[in-house]
Amino acid sequence: MNLSLFPSRIAPASFFAALTLLVQGTALAQGADTDAQAANPAAPAVVEIERKPDTAHIMGLNKITARTHPMTVKIDESLRFGTLGIIVRACEKARPEDPPKTIGFFEIREYPVNEELTEEPEPIFSGWMLASSPGLNALEHPVYDVWLKDCSISSGPASAASE
């Protein structure tokens, strides 16, 4: 077999496994669509697309006041918690049939109080957090703790402007 046809980052076995799943999924979707089209030939074919989570549910703890603050933020939007600026770059959740696993990629910056910024501060934390193990890769800050609780899909329709 000539392996030069495959990209260097994809193993041939995983490529064929992905191709098999794609073909099976296409055949199943086409089989379901033919029944619907036979009943109404003018109806367009509908393919169900799995949507990725676009909202992260996080929890913040102020260690000075001992108060927790539940927060919700859209992916790639900024959220302020005290002096911290939190941006969740990615949020992934396992499918319901898989073992539960929720992970998020966080970028957290600390903004100085009562100082005018000339440039964006460097991140004090940039990495993946697991909802099941918040202490595994945690933000180390003397005043605040931040951790991921869950990821969800917003109930509203996706806007065409964001695509």
Protein backbone atom coordinates (compact mmCIF):
# COMPACT_ATOMS: atom_id res chain seq x y z
CA MET A 1 0.00 0.00 0.00
CA ASN A 2 1.31 3.43 -0.92
CA LEU A 3 1.21 5.49 2.30
CA SER A 4 2.23 8.70 0.55
CA LEU A 5 -1.44 9.29 -0.27
CA PHE A 6 -2.25 9.89 3.39
CA PRO A 7 -1.45 13.09 5.26
CA SER A 8 1.47 12.62 7.63
CA ARG A 9 -0.63 13.42 10.71
CA ILE A 10 -3.36 10.83 10.02
CA ALA A 11 -2.64 7.16 10.41
CA PRO A 12 -4.13 4.99 7.61
CA ALA A 13 -6.14 2.91 10.09
CA SER A 14 -7.80 5.96 11.65
CA PHE A 15 -8.43 7.40 8.17
CA PHE A 16 -10.27 4.25 7.09
CA ALA A 17 -12.22 4.13 10.35
CA ALA A 18 -13.34 7.74 9.88
CA LEU A 19 -14.18 7.09 6.22
CA THR A 20 -16.26 4.03 7.18
CA LEU A 21 -18.21 6.03 9.76
CA LEU A 22 -18.78 8.81 7.25
CA VAL A 23 -20.09 6.38 4.62
CA GLN A 24 -22.32 4.57 7.13
CA GLY A 25 -23.68 7.84 8.46
CA THR A 26 -24.36 9.09 4.93
CA ALA A 27 -26.13 5.84 4.01
CA LEU A 28 -28.28 6.00 7.16
CA ALA A 29 -29.15 9.64 6.54
CA GLN A 30 -29.99 8.90 2.89
CA GLY A 31 -32.16 5.93 3.89
CA ALA A 32 -34.12 8.08 6.35
CA ASP A 33 -34.47 10.88 3.80
CA THR A 34 -35.86 8.61 1.05
CA ASP A 35 -38.84 7.68 3.23
CA ALA A 36 -39.59 11.35 3.92
CA GLN A 37 -39.09 12.30 0.26
CA ALA A 38 -41.36 9.47 -0.95
CA ALA A 39 -44.20 10.90 1.14
CA ASN A 40 -43.50 14.48 -0.01
CA PRO A 41 -41.18 14.73 -3.04
CA ALA A 42 -41.12 18.55 -2.90
CA ALA A 43 -39.68 18.55 0.65
CA PRO A 44 -35.91 19.18 0.81
CA ALA A 45 -33.69 16.54 2.38
CA VAL A 46 -32.94 17.25 6.04
CA VAL A 47 -29.70 16.08 7.62
CA GLU A 48 -29.31 16.34 11.39
CA ILE A 49 -26.05 18.07 12.31
CA GLU A 50 -24.67 17.71 15.81
CA ARG A 51 -24.10 21.18 17.27
CA LYS A 52 -21.14 21.89 19.49
CA PRO A 53 -21.59 23.63 22.84
CA ASP A 54 -21.32 27.40 22.53
CA THR A 55 -21.80 28.36 26.18
CA ALA A 56 -19.64 27.61 29.20
CA HIS A 57 -20.97 27.53 32.76
CA ILE A 58 -18.19 28.40 35.18
CA MET A 59 -17.91 29.02 38.89
CA GLY A 60 -15.79 31.67 40.53
CA LEU A 61 -14.73 31.80 44.17
CA ASN A 62 -13.58 34.95 45.93
CA LYS A 63 -11.31 33.57 48.66
CA ILE A 64 -11.47 36.81 50.67
CA THR A 65 -15.27 36.87 51.01
CA ALA A 66 -15.72 33.08 50.67
CA ARG A 67 -18.52 33.63 48.13
CA THR A 68 -19.04 31.63 44.98
CA HIS A 69 -20.34 33.22 41.82
CA PRO A 70 -21.93 31.09 39.08
CA MET A 71 -21.30 32.62 35.65
CA THR A 72 -22.26 31.86 32.07
CA VAL A 73 -20.17 33.00 29.12
CA LYS A 74 -20.33 32.43 25.36
CA ILE A 75 -17.29 30.94 23.66
CA ASP A 76 -14.71 33.62 22.72
CA GLU A 77 -16.49 36.36 24.68
CA SER A 78 -14.87 38.17 27.59
CA LEU A 79 -16.22 38.03 31.14
CA ARG A 80 -14.99 40.04 34.14
CA PHE A 81 -14.77 38.46 37.57
CA GLY A 82 -13.19 40.86 40.05
CA THR A 83 -9.86 41.85 38.55
CA LEU A 84 -9.83 38.82 36.23
CA GLY A 85 -10.77 38.81 32.57
CA ILE A 86 -11.93 35.34 31.53
CA ILE A 87 -12.27 34.11 27.96
CA VAL A 88 -13.33 30.53 27.23
CA ARG A 89 -11.84 29.65 23.85
CA ALA A 90 -13.33 26.15 23.55
CA CYS A 91 -15.79 24.01 25.46
CA GLU A 92 -16.36 20.35 24.65
CA LYS A 93 -18.77 17.86 26.14
CA ALA A 94 -18.91 14.11 25.56
CA ARG A 95 -21.95 12.66 23.82
CA PRO A 96 -24.63 11.26 26.15
CA GLU A 97 -23.73 7.65 25.29
CA ASP A 98 -20.04 8.19 26.19
CA PRO A 99 -18.57 8.46 29.71
CA PRO A 100 -19.14 11.97 31.06
CA LYS A 101 -16.32 14.36 30.24
CA THR A 102 -16.47 18.13 29.95
CA ILE A 103 -13.38 20.18 29.14
CA GLY A 104 -12.77 23.83 28.37
CA PHE A 105 -9.84 25.91 27.20
CA PHE A 106 -9.50 29.05 29.34
CA GLU A 107 -7.50 32.21 28.86
CA ILE A 108 -7.44 34.32 32.04
CA ARG A 109 -5.80 37.72 32.46
CA GLU A 110 -5.49 39.93 35.52
CA TYR A 111 -6.28 43.59 35.01
CA PRO A 112 -4.77 46.12 37.43
CA VAL A 113 -7.16 48.15 39.57
CA ASN A 114 -7.32 51.93 38.97
CA GLU A 115 -4.61 51.87 36.31
CA GLU A 116 -4.98 52.81 32.70
CA LEU A 117 -3.92 50.02 30.35
CA THR A 118 -1.58 50.77 27.50
CA GLU A 119 -1.64 47.19 26.24
CA GLU A 120 -3.40 43.91 26.97
CA PRO A 121 -1.84 42.10 29.98
CA GLU A 122 -0.27 38.69 29.50
CA PRO A 123 -2.46 35.72 30.47
CA ILE A 124 -1.88 34.42 33.99
CA PHE A 125 -3.55 31.15 32.95
CA SER A 126 -3.95 29.59 29.54
CA GLY A 127 -4.92 25.94 29.38
CA TRP A 128 -7.50 23.20 29.56
CA MET A 129 -9.71 22.66 32.61
CA LEU A 130 -11.70 19.52 33.28
CA ALA A 131 -15.09 19.84 34.95
CA SER A 132 -14.68 16.44 36.62
CA SER A 133 -11.27 17.38 38.13
CA PRO A 134 -11.14 21.13 38.77
CA GLY A 135 -7.93 20.88 40.79
CA LEU A 136 -6.02 19.00 38.10
CA ASN A 137 -5.14 22.10 36.05
CA ALA A 138 -6.34 25.04 38.07
CA LEU A 139 -5.82 28.78 38.11
CA GLU A 140 -3.35 29.64 40.87
CA HIS A 141 -4.33 33.05 42.18
CA PRO A 142 -4.18 34.40 45.77
CA VAL A 143 -7.71 35.88 45.67
CA TYR A 144 -9.75 33.99 43.06
CA ASP A 145 -10.49 30.44 41.99
CA VAL A 146 -12.20 29.73 38.69
CA TRP A 147 -13.36 26.36 37.40
CA LEU A 148 -15.54 24.85 34.69
CA LYS A 149 -18.93 23.42 35.63
CA ASP A 150 -20.53 22.50 32.30
CA CYS A 151 -20.88 23.28 28.60
CA SER A 152 -24.19 23.74 26.83
CA ILE A 153 -25.77 24.68 23.55
CA SER A 154 -27.66 27.95 23.66
CA SER A 155 -31.36 27.62 23.02
CA GLY A 156 -31.48 30.42 20.45
CA PRO A 157 -30.83 29.84 16.75
CA ALA A 158 -27.32 30.42 15.47
CA SER A 159 -26.94 33.84 13.89
CA ALA A 160 -25.89 34.05 10.26
CA ALA A 161 -23.53 36.93 11.06
CA SER A 162 -21.30 34.72 13.19
CA GLU A 163 -20.66 32.25 10.35
